Amino acid sequence: MDVPVKKKSFLLALLGATVAAGLTFGFSPAMAVPAVDQIQSGLTGSTVQSEHSIDGNATTISAAETGNSFTAGVTGLLTSIVVPYSSYSSGFPAFDAAALVYTADGSGLPSTPVAFQSIPASSITGGTLTINFTTPATVTAGTRYVFIIAFDPTGVPGPTSNTLFFRAGPAPADKRAVYTGMLTPYVDGANGINFTTYVDASSSSGPGVPAPGPSYEKLADTGANESVTSIWFGVSAGLLAGGVLALVTVRRRLARK
């Protein structure tokens, strides 16, 4: 039996509402792809290093940690930092490395810890450290931060030595290299290293990150947040299924008349 024009219009309206619900709740774009925030590149002058050496008595004989300061340009989640390196000398056994991010104090030195990420030794290949934070920290536009690259000798017997070398060169005052470790922490008076930070400006409520404590101390994994996208997808799937069921029911009732 043909469906009258008015009833056809009702069916089309119902279908449109169902699709609209799916578009609104289920098919909205996921969080924006993290974008480049701060970048320092093209520095090819001297080399600086992060290294850790242990002697036959399992005693640290040398430890240096190198990083750089930066001022966040946008507020959001610091999802990753990419740091090129010029060479890597891995010991036997090799240490894992770690990236630590802090707010900076008035002199540009590390102050309050905000993020930590372990870097497996097996991933240090290809001339670039790509540090993707499992638990991103919120950075605030206009606030100065410091990241540090360190080796973590936890559970690794000596003797062994691991070193990462970074290219350095003249840099702006807010993007200077920072040195910690066994050294008295200090900010380079003229040079910085190459790096790029990525920030997801669509979100700015990262989970809390416990303080790293002493150098090289690993943090417990706080776990990743449940994906907001997956939650909305589940809601949209339910709405869409409900809409289709309602559409079929209406069609059957109209067909009986």
C-alpha atoms as a PDB file:
ATOM      1  CA  MET A   1       0.000   0.000   0.000  1.00  0.00           C
ATOM      2  CA  ASP A   2       1.294   3.449  -0.898  1.00  0.00           C
ATOM      3  CA  VAL A   3       2.075   5.725   2.008  1.00  0.00           C
ATOM      4  CA  PRO A   4       0.299   9.128   1.854  1.00  0.00           C
ATOM      5  CA  VAL A   5       2.424  12.205   1.324  1.00  0.00           C
ATOM      6  CA  LYS A   6       1.899  13.422   4.927  1.00  0.00           C
ATOM      7  CA  LYS A   7       3.019  10.085   6.312  1.00  0.00           C
ATOM      8  CA  LYS A   8       6.046  10.076   4.021  1.00  0.00           C
ATOM      9  CA  SER A   9       6.967  13.518   5.351  1.00  0.00           C
ATOM     10  CA  PHE A  10       6.694  12.210   8.897  1.00  0.00           C
ATOM     11  CA  LEU A  11       9.006   9.306   8.091  1.00  0.00           C
ATOM     12  CA  LEU A  12      11.545  11.591   6.464  1.00  0.00           C
ATOM     13  CA  ALA A  13      11.460  13.904   9.486  1.00  0.00           C
ATOM     14  CA  LEU A  14      12.016  10.953  11.833  1.00  0.00           C
ATOM     15  CA  LEU A  15      14.912   9.701   9.730  1.00  0.00           C
ATOM     16  CA  GLY A  16      16.414  13.196   9.632  1.00  0.00           C
ATOM     17  CA  ALA A  17      16.200  13.493  13.412  1.00  0.00           C
ATOM     18  CA  THR A  18      17.919  10.125  13.831  1.00  0.00           C
ATOM     19  CA  VAL A  19      20.752  11.076  11.488  1.00  0.00           C
ATOM     20  CA  ALA A  20      21.097  14.464  13.177  1.00  0.00           C
ATOM     21  CA  ALA A  21      21.416  12.738  16.560  1.00  0.00           C
ATOM     22  CA  GLY A  22      24.138  10.522  15.162  1.00  0.00           C
ATOM     23  CA  LEU A  23      26.003  13.470  13.732  1.00  0.00           C
ATOM     24  CA  THR A  24      25.677  15.466  16.934  1.00  0.00           C
ATOM     25  CA  PHE A  25      26.669  12.785  19.412  1.00  0.00           C
ATOM     26  CA  GLY A  26      28.478  10.054  17.557  1.00  0.00           C
ATOM     27  CA  PHE A  27      30.192  11.441  14.534  1.00  0.00           C
ATOM     28  CA  SER A  28      31.529  14.689  15.908  1.00  0.00           C
ATOM     29  CA  PRO A  29      35.272  15.002  15.327  1.00  0.00           C
ATOM     30  CA  ALA A  30      37.648  13.525  17.910  1.00  0.00           C
ATOM     31  CA  MET A  31      39.952  15.781  19.873  1.00  0.00           C
ATOM     32  CA  ALA A  32      42.012  17.975  17.615  1.00  0.00           C
ATOM     33  CA  VAL A  33      45.325  16.580  16.469  1.00  0.00           C
ATOM     34  CA  PRO A  34      48.082  18.027  18.680  1.00  0.00           C
ATOM     35  CA  ALA A  35      49.822  20.886  16.899  1.00  0.00           C
ATOM     36  CA  VAL A  36      53.357  22.223  17.037  1.00  0.00           C
ATOM     37  CA  ASP A  37      53.619  24.813  19.782  1.00  0.00           C
ATOM     38  CA  GLN A  38      57.287  25.652  20.405  1.00  0.00           C
ATOM     39  CA  ILE A  39      60.103  24.750  18.028  1.00  0.00           C
ATOM     40  CA  GLN A  40      63.838  25.340  18.030  1.00  0.00           C
ATOM     41  CA  SER A  41      65.753  23.957  15.080  1.00  0.00           C
ATOM     42  CA  GLY A  42      68.817  24.391  12.904  1.00  0.00           C
ATOM     43  CA  LEU A  43      71.320  24.460  15.779  1.00  0.00           C
ATOM     44  CA  THR A  44      74.450  22.663  14.567  1.00  0.00           C
ATOM     45  CA  GLY A  45      77.254  24.102  16.661  1.00  0.00           C
ATOM     46  CA  SER A  46      78.748  22.505  19.758  1.00  0.00           C
ATOM     47  CA  THR A  47      77.474  19.316  21.386  1.00  0.00           C
ATOM     48  CA  VAL A  48      76.085  18.834  24.871  1.00  0.00           C
ATOM     49  CA  GLN A  49      75.155  15.536  26.440  1.00  0.00           C
ATOM     50  CA  SER A  50      73.085  13.453  28.794  1.00  0.00           C
ATOM     51  CA  GLU A  51      75.092  10.552  30.175  1.00  0.00           C
ATOM     52  CA  HIS A  52      75.362   8.098  33.022  1.00  0.00           C
ATOM     53  CA  SER A  53      78.382   5.948  33.846  1.00  0.00           C
ATOM     54  CA  ILE A  54      78.686   3.214  36.467  1.00  0.00           C
ATOM     55  CA  ASP A  55      81.897   1.507  37.540  1.00  0.00           C
ATOM     56  CA  GLY A  56      82.538  -2.117  38.511  1.00  0.00           C
ATOM     57  CA  ASN A  57      81.335  -1.444  42.057  1.00  0.00           C
ATOM     58  CA  ALA A  58      77.910  -0.358  40.763  1.00  0.00           C
ATOM     59  CA  THR A  59      78.751   3.194  41.781  1.00  0.00           C
ATOM     60  CA  THR A  60      77.742   6.166  39.661  1.00  0.00           C
ATOM     61  CA  ILE A  61      80.919   7.894  38.607  1.00  0.00           C
ATOM     62  CA  SER A  62      79.387  10.400  36.244  1.00  0.00           C
ATOM     63  CA  ALA A  63      75.870  11.612  35.526  1.00  0.00           C
ATOM     64  CA  ALA A  64      74.767  14.566  33.451  1.00  0.00           C
ATOM     65  CA  GLU A  65      71.245  15.523  32.425  1.00  0.00           C
ATOM     66  CA  THR A  66      70.534  17.930  29.593  1.00  0.00           C
ATOM     67  CA  GLY A  67      67.312  19.565  28.527  1.00  0.00           C
ATOM     68  CA  ASN A  68      65.884  22.911  27.497  1.00  0.00           C
ATOM     69  CA  SER A  69      63.456  25.558  28.643  1.00  0.00           C
ATOM     70  CA  PHE A  70      60.450  26.765  26.651  1.00  0.00           C
ATOM     71  CA  THR A  71      57.462  29.041  27.136  1.00  0.00           C
ATOM     72  CA  ALA A  72      54.113  27.527  26.203  1.00  0.00           C
ATOM     73  CA  GLY A  73      52.352  29.459  23.465  1.00  0.00           C
ATOM     74  CA  VAL A  74      48.907  27.935  24.053  1.00  0.00           C
ATOM     75  CA  THR A  75      47.079  26.322  26.953  1.00  0.00           C
ATOM     76  CA  GLY A  76      46.419  22.613  26.555  1.00  0.00           C
ATOM     77  CA  LEU A  77      47.867  19.142  27.012  1.00  0.00           C
ATOM     78  CA  LEU A  78      51.563  18.672  26.312  1.00  0.00           C
ATOM     79  CA  THR A  79      51.253  15.422  24.386  1.00  0.00           C
ATOM     80  CA  SER A  80      54.801  15.015  23.087  1.00  0.00           C
ATOM     81  CA  ILE A  81      58.271  16.465  22.732  1.00  0.00           C
ATOM     82  CA  VAL A  82      60.577  15.604  19.826  1.00  0.00           C
ATOM     83  CA  VAL A  83      64.298  15.998  20.467  1.00  0.00           C
ATOM     84  CA  PRO A  84      66.870  15.306  17.722  1.00  0.00           C
ATOM     85  CA  TYR A  85      70.219  13.908  18.854  1.00  0.00           C
ATOM     86  CA  SER A  86      73.503  13.774  16.977  1.00  0.00           C
ATOM     87  CA  SER A  87      74.775  10.455  18.326  1.00  0.00           C
ATOM     88  CA  TYR A  88      74.071   7.788  20.919  1.00  0.00           C
ATOM     89  CA  SER A  89      76.532   5.602  22.768  1.00  0.00           C
ATOM     90  CA  SER A  90      74.752   2.701  24.453  1.00  0.00           C
ATOM     91  CA  GLY A  91      76.404   0.631  27.134  1.00  0.00           C
ATOM     92  CA  PHE A  92      76.159  -3.100  27.752  1.00  0.00           C
ATOM     93  CA  PRO A  93      73.633  -3.297  29.202  1.00  0.00           C
ATOM     94  CA  ALA A  94      71.938  -0.157  27.940  1.00  0.00           C
ATOM     95  CA  PHE A  95      69.957   2.078  30.276  1.00  0.00           C
ATOM     96  CA  ASP A  96      66.455   3.236  29.574  1.00  0.00           C
ATOM     97  CA  ALA A  97      66.192   7.014  29.426  1.00  0.00           C
ATOM     98  CA  ALA A  98      63.494   9.300  30.792  1.00  0.00           C
ATOM     99  CA  ALA A  99      61.990  12.678  30.011  1.00  0.00           C
ATOM    100  CA  LEU A 100      60.948  14.916  32.890  1.00  0.00           C
ATOM    101  CA  VAL A 101      59.022  18.184  32.548  1.00  0.00           C
ATOM    102  CA  TYR A 102      58.939  20.892  35.215  1.00  0.00           C
ATOM    103  CA  THR A 103      57.671  24.398  35.615  1.00  0.00           C
ATOM    104  CA  ALA A 104      60.637  26.773  35.631  1.00  0.00           C
ATOM    105  CA  ASP A 105      61.621  29.029  38.475  1.00  0.00           C
ATOM    106  CA  GLY A 106      62.608  32.676  38.016  1.00  0.00           C
ATOM    107  CA  SER A 107      66.085  31.744  36.785  1.00  0.00           C
ATOM    108  CA  GLY A 108      64.855  29.134  34.305  1.00  0.00           C
ATOM    109  CA  LEU A 109      65.775  26.072  36.396  1.00  0.00           C
ATOM    110  CA  PRO A 110      63.443  23.106  37.053  1.00  0.00           C
ATOM    111  CA  SER A 111      60.940  23.781  39.834  1.00  0.00           C
ATOM    112  CA  THR A 112      57.686  21.799  40.148  1.00  0.00           C
ATOM    113  CA  PRO A 113      57.499  18.451  38.260  1.00  0.00           C
ATOM    114  CA  VAL A 114      54.479  18.112  35.962  1.00  0.00           C
ATOM    115  CA  ALA A 115      55.219  15.140  33.676  1.00  0.00           C
ATOM    116  CA  PHE A 116      57.387  12.058  33.362  1.00  0.00           C
ATOM    117  CA  GLN A 117      57.852   9.540  30.555  1.00  0.00           C
ATOM    118  CA  SER A 118      60.151   6.530  30.365  1.00  0.00           C
ATOM    119  CA  ILE A 119      62.074   6.092  27.096  1.00  0.00           C
ATOM    120  CA  PRO A 120      63.032   2.446  26.446  1.00  0.00           C
ATOM    121  CA  ALA A 121      66.628   2.017  25.280  1.00  0.00           C
ATOM    122  CA  SER A 122      65.321  -0.006  22.329  1.00  0.00           C
ATOM    123  CA  SER A 123      63.442   3.071  21.053  1.00  0.00           C
ATOM    124  CA  ILE A 124      66.531   5.298  20.903  1.00  0.00           C
ATOM    125  CA  THR A 125      67.171   4.905  17.192  1.00  0.00           C
ATOM    126  CA  GLY A 126      67.180   7.025  14.059  1.00  0.00           C
ATOM    127  CA  GLY A 127      68.568  10.234  15.496  1.00  0.00           C
ATOM    128  CA  THR A 128      65.348  11.464  17.094  1.00  0.00           C
ATOM    129  CA  LEU A 129      63.764  11.001  20.504  1.00  0.00           C
ATOM    130  CA  THR A 130      59.988  11.090  20.090  1.00  0.00           C
ATOM    131  CA  ILE A 131      58.585  11.350  23.597  1.00  0.00           C
ATOM    132  CA  ASN A 132      54.843  10.643  23.696  1.00  0.00           C
ATOM    133  CA  PHE A 133      53.509  11.227  27.200  1.00  0.00           C
ATOM    134  CA  THR A 134      51.219   8.476  28.440  1.00  0.00           C
ATOM    135  CA  THR A 135      49.911  10.960  30.993  1.00  0.00           C
ATOM    136  CA  PRO A 136      50.072  14.425  29.384  1.00  0.00           C
ATOM    137  CA  ALA A 137      50.400  17.440  31.626  1.00  0.00           C
ATOM    138  CA  THR A 138      48.509  20.684  31.195  1.00  0.00           C
ATOM    139  CA  VAL A 139      50.688  23.597  30.112  1.00  0.00           C
ATOM    140  CA  THR A 140      49.527  27.191  30.352  1.00  0.00           C
ATOM    141  CA  ALA A 141      50.188  29.837  27.726  1.00  0.00           C
ATOM    142  CA  GLY A 142      52.869  32.263  28.856  1.00  0.00           C
ATOM    143  CA  THR A 143      54.280  29.905  31.500  1.00  0.00           C
ATOM    144  CA  ARG A 144      57.884  28.777  31.259  1.00  0.00           C
ATOM    145  CA  TYR A 145      58.763  25.077  31.510  1.00  0.00           C
ATOM    146  CA  VAL A 146      61.874  22.908  31.415  1.00  0.00           C
ATOM    147  CA  PHE A 147      62.256  19.398  30.013  1.00  0.00           C
ATOM    148  CA  ILE A 148      65.190  17.210  31.004  1.00  0.00           C
ATOM    149  CA  ILE A 149      66.498  14.041  29.332  1.00  0.00           C
ATOM    150  CA  ALA A 150      68.125  11.649  31.795  1.00  0.00           C
ATOM    151  CA  PHE A 151      69.298   8.041  31.859  1.00  0.00           C
ATOM    152  CA  ASP A 152      67.690   5.738  34.402  1.00  0.00           C
ATOM    153  CA  PRO A 153      70.069   3.079  35.786  1.00  0.00           C
ATOM    154  CA  THR A 154      67.439   1.502  38.033  1.00  0.00           C
ATOM    155  CA  GLY A 155      68.092  -2.225  38.257  1.00  0.00           C
ATOM    156  CA  VAL A 156      70.976  -2.147  35.745  1.00  0.00           C
ATOM    157  CA  PRO A 157      74.300  -3.563  37.023  1.00  0.00           C
ATOM    158  CA  GLY A 158      77.629  -1.898  36.167  1.00  0.00           C
ATOM    159  CA  PRO A 159      80.075  -1.298  34.764  1.00  0.00           C
ATOM    160  CA  THR A 160      78.467   0.492  31.831  1.00  0.00           C
ATOM    161  CA  SER A 161      78.118   3.928  30.296  1.00  0.00           C
ATOM    162  CA  ASN A 162      75.391   5.482  28.144  1.00  0.00           C
ATOM    163  CA  THR A 163      75.530   8.861  26.422  1.00  0.00           C
ATOM    164  CA  LEU A 164      73.230  10.927  24.204  1.00  0.00           C
ATOM    165  CA  PHE A 165      74.756  13.889  22.368  1.00  0.00           C
ATOM    166  CA  PHE A 166      72.674  16.901  21.315  1.00  0.00           C
ATOM    167  CA  ARG A 167      73.621  19.733  18.975  1.00  0.00           C
ATOM    168  CA  ALA A 168      73.628  23.166  20.589  1.00  0.00           C
ATOM    169  CA  GLY A 169      73.817  26.723  19.356  1.00  0.00           C
ATOM    170  CA  PRO A 170      72.816  30.333  20.130  1.00  0.00           C
ATOM    171  CA  ALA A 171      69.227  30.455  21.375  1.00  0.00           C
ATOM    172  CA  PRO A 172      66.691  32.992  22.723  1.00  0.00           C
ATOM    173  CA  ALA A 173      66.760  33.616  26.475  1.00  0.00           C
ATOM    174  CA  ASP A 174      63.600  31.550  27.093  1.00  0.00           C
ATOM    175  CA  LYS A 175      64.882  28.569  25.061  1.00  0.00           C
ATOM    176  CA  ARG A 176      68.215  27.872  26.683  1.00  0.00           C
ATOM    177  CA  ALA A 177      69.768  24.512  27.502  1.00  0.00           C
ATOM    178  CA  VAL A 178      69.484  23.426  31.132  1.00  0.00           C
ATOM    179  CA  TYR A 179      71.917  21.064  32.883  1.00  0.00           C
ATOM    180  CA  THR A 180      71.227  19.001  36.015  1.00  0.00           C
ATOM    181  CA  GLY A 181      72.387  15.606  37.336  1.00  0.00           C
ATOM    182  CA  MET A 182      75.536  15.469  39.454  1.00  0.00           C
ATOM    183  CA  LEU A 183      76.295  19.009  38.379  1.00  0.00           C
ATOM    184  CA  THR A 184      74.979  22.023  40.221  1.00  0.00           C
ATOM    185  CA  PRO A 185      71.930  22.827  38.037  1.00  0.00           C
ATOM    186  CA  TYR A 186      72.492  25.756  35.741  1.00  0.00           C
ATOM    187  CA  VAL A 187      71.097  27.423  32.629  1.00  0.00           C
ATOM    188  CA  ASP A 188      73.339  27.844  29.595  1.00  0.00           C
ATOM    189  CA  GLY A 189      74.232  31.482  29.200  1.00  0.00           C
ATOM    190  CA  ALA A 190      73.902  31.496  25.406  1.00  0.00           C
ATOM    191  CA  ASN A 191      72.977  28.145  23.848  1.00  0.00           C
ATOM    192  CA  GLY A 192      70.013  25.833  23.499  1.00  0.00           C
ATOM    193  CA  ILE A 193      69.305  22.479  21.860  1.00  0.00           C
ATOM    194  CA  ASN A 194      66.891  21.524  19.088  1.00  0.00           C
ATOM    195  CA  PHE A 195      63.375  20.423  20.079  1.00  0.00           C
ATOM    196  CA  THR A 196      59.694  20.635  19.180  1.00  0.00           C
ATOM    197  CA  THR A 197      56.727  20.567  21.582  1.00  0.00           C
ATOM    198  CA  TYR A 198      53.231  19.435  20.612  1.00  0.00           C
ATOM    199  CA  VAL A 199      50.140  20.647  22.468  1.00  0.00           C
ATOM    200  CA  ASP A 200      46.494  19.629  22.172  1.00  0.00           C
ATOM    201  CA  ALA A 201      44.789  22.976  22.712  1.00  0.00           C
ATOM    202  CA  SER A 202      41.317  21.392  22.583  1.00  0.00           C
ATOM    203  CA  SER A 203      41.807  19.943  26.059  1.00  0.00           C
ATOM    204  CA  SER A 204      43.431  21.448  29.108  1.00  0.00           C
ATOM    205  CA  SER A 205      42.592  19.199  32.053  1.00  0.00           C
ATOM    206  CA  GLY A 206      45.339  16.660  32.298  1.00  0.00           C
ATOM    207  CA  PRO A 207      45.505  14.201  35.214  1.00  0.00           C
ATOM    208  CA  GLY A 208      47.825  14.921  38.096  1.00  0.00           C
ATOM    209  CA  VAL A 209      51.358  13.562  37.895  1.00  0.00           C
ATOM    210  CA  PRO A 210      53.268  12.595  41.055  1.00  0.00           C
ATOM    211  CA  ALA A 211      56.623  14.214  41.683  1.00  0.00           C
ATOM    212  CA  PRO A 212      59.594  12.304  40.222  1.00  0.00           C
ATOM    213  CA  GLY A 213      61.616  12.740  43.398  1.00  0.00           C
ATOM    214  CA  PRO A 214      65.379  12.203  43.012  1.00  0.00           C
ATOM    215  CA  SER A 215      66.903  11.995  39.543  1.00  0.00           C
ATOM    216  CA  TYR A 216      66.410   8.701  37.696  1.00  0.00           C
ATOM    217  CA  GLU A 217      63.523   7.569  39.928  1.00  0.00           C
ATOM    218  CA  LYS A 218      60.757   6.068  37.822  1.00  0.00           C
ATOM    219  CA  LEU A 219      57.133   6.886  38.561  1.00  0.00           C
ATOM    220  CA  ALA A 220      54.278   4.451  38.813  1.00  0.00           C
ATOM    221  CA  ASP A 221      52.112   4.473  35.704  1.00  0.00           C
ATOM    222  CA  THR A 222      48.974   6.445  36.528  1.00  0.00           C
ATOM    223  CA  GLY A 223      47.164   4.991  33.505  1.00  0.00           C
ATOM    224  CA  ALA A 224      45.570   6.691  30.517  1.00  0.00           C
ATOM    225  CA  ASN A 225      42.221   8.458  30.529  1.00  0.00           C
ATOM    226  CA  GLU A 226      39.277   6.731  28.913  1.00  0.00           C
ATOM    227  CA  SER A 227      38.722   8.132  25.459  1.00  0.00           C
ATOM    228  CA  VAL A 228      35.987  10.748  25.337  1.00  0.00           C
ATOM    229  CA  THR A 229      35.541   9.874  21.674  1.00  0.00           C
ATOM    230  CA  SER A 230      34.766   6.241  22.470  1.00  0.00           C
ATOM    231  CA  ILE A 231      32.138   7.288  25.018  1.00  0.00           C
ATOM    232  CA  TRP A 232      30.357   9.509  22.494  1.00  0.00           C
ATOM    233  CA  PHE A 233      30.595   6.789  19.880  1.00  0.00           C
ATOM    234  CA  GLY A 234      28.799   4.410  22.236  1.00  0.00           C
ATOM    235  CA  VAL A 235      26.092   6.967  22.941  1.00  0.00           C
ATOM    236  CA  SER A 236      25.620   7.698  19.250  1.00  0.00           C
ATOM    237  CA  ALA A 237      25.440   4.012  18.394  1.00  0.00           C
ATOM    238  CA  GLY A 238      22.604   3.604  20.906  1.00  0.00           C
ATOM    239  CA  LEU A 239      20.770   6.653  19.583  1.00  0.00           C
ATOM    240  CA  LEU A 240      21.154   5.546  15.990  1.00  0.00           C
ATOM    241  CA  ALA A 241      19.964   2.026  16.764  1.00  0.00           C
ATOM    242  CA  GLY A 242      16.963   3.448  18.652  1.00  0.00           C
ATOM    243  CA  GLY A 243      16.122   5.706  15.737  1.00  0.00           C
ATOM    244  CA  VAL A 244      16.237   2.857  13.220  1.00  0.00           C
ATOM    245  CA  LEU A 245      14.013   0.713  15.460  1.00  0.00           C
ATOM    246  CA  ALA A 246      11.508   3.561  15.773  1.00  0.00           C
ATOM    247  CA  LEU A 247      11.538   4.062  12.006  1.00  0.00           C
ATOM    248  CA  VAL A 248      10.833   0.371  11.329  1.00  0.00           C
ATOM    249  CA  THR A 249       8.018   0.350  13.913  1.00  0.00           C
ATOM    250  CA  VAL A 250       6.344   3.412  12.392  1.00  0.00           C
ATOM    251  CA  ARG A 251       6.601   1.975   8.870  1.00  0.00           C
ATOM    252  CA  ARG A 252       4.930  -1.270   9.987  1.00  0.00           C
ATOM    253  CA  ARG A 253       2.106   0.598  11.726  1.00  0.00           C
ATOM    254  CA  LEU A 254       1.503   2.776   8.684  1.00  0.00           C
ATOM    255  CA  ALA A 255       1.552  -0.238   6.385  1.00  0.00           C
ATOM    256  CA  ARG A 256      -1.286  -1.854   8.366  1.00  0.00           C
ATOM    257  CA  LYS A 257      -3.580   1.140   7.867  1.00  0.00           C
END
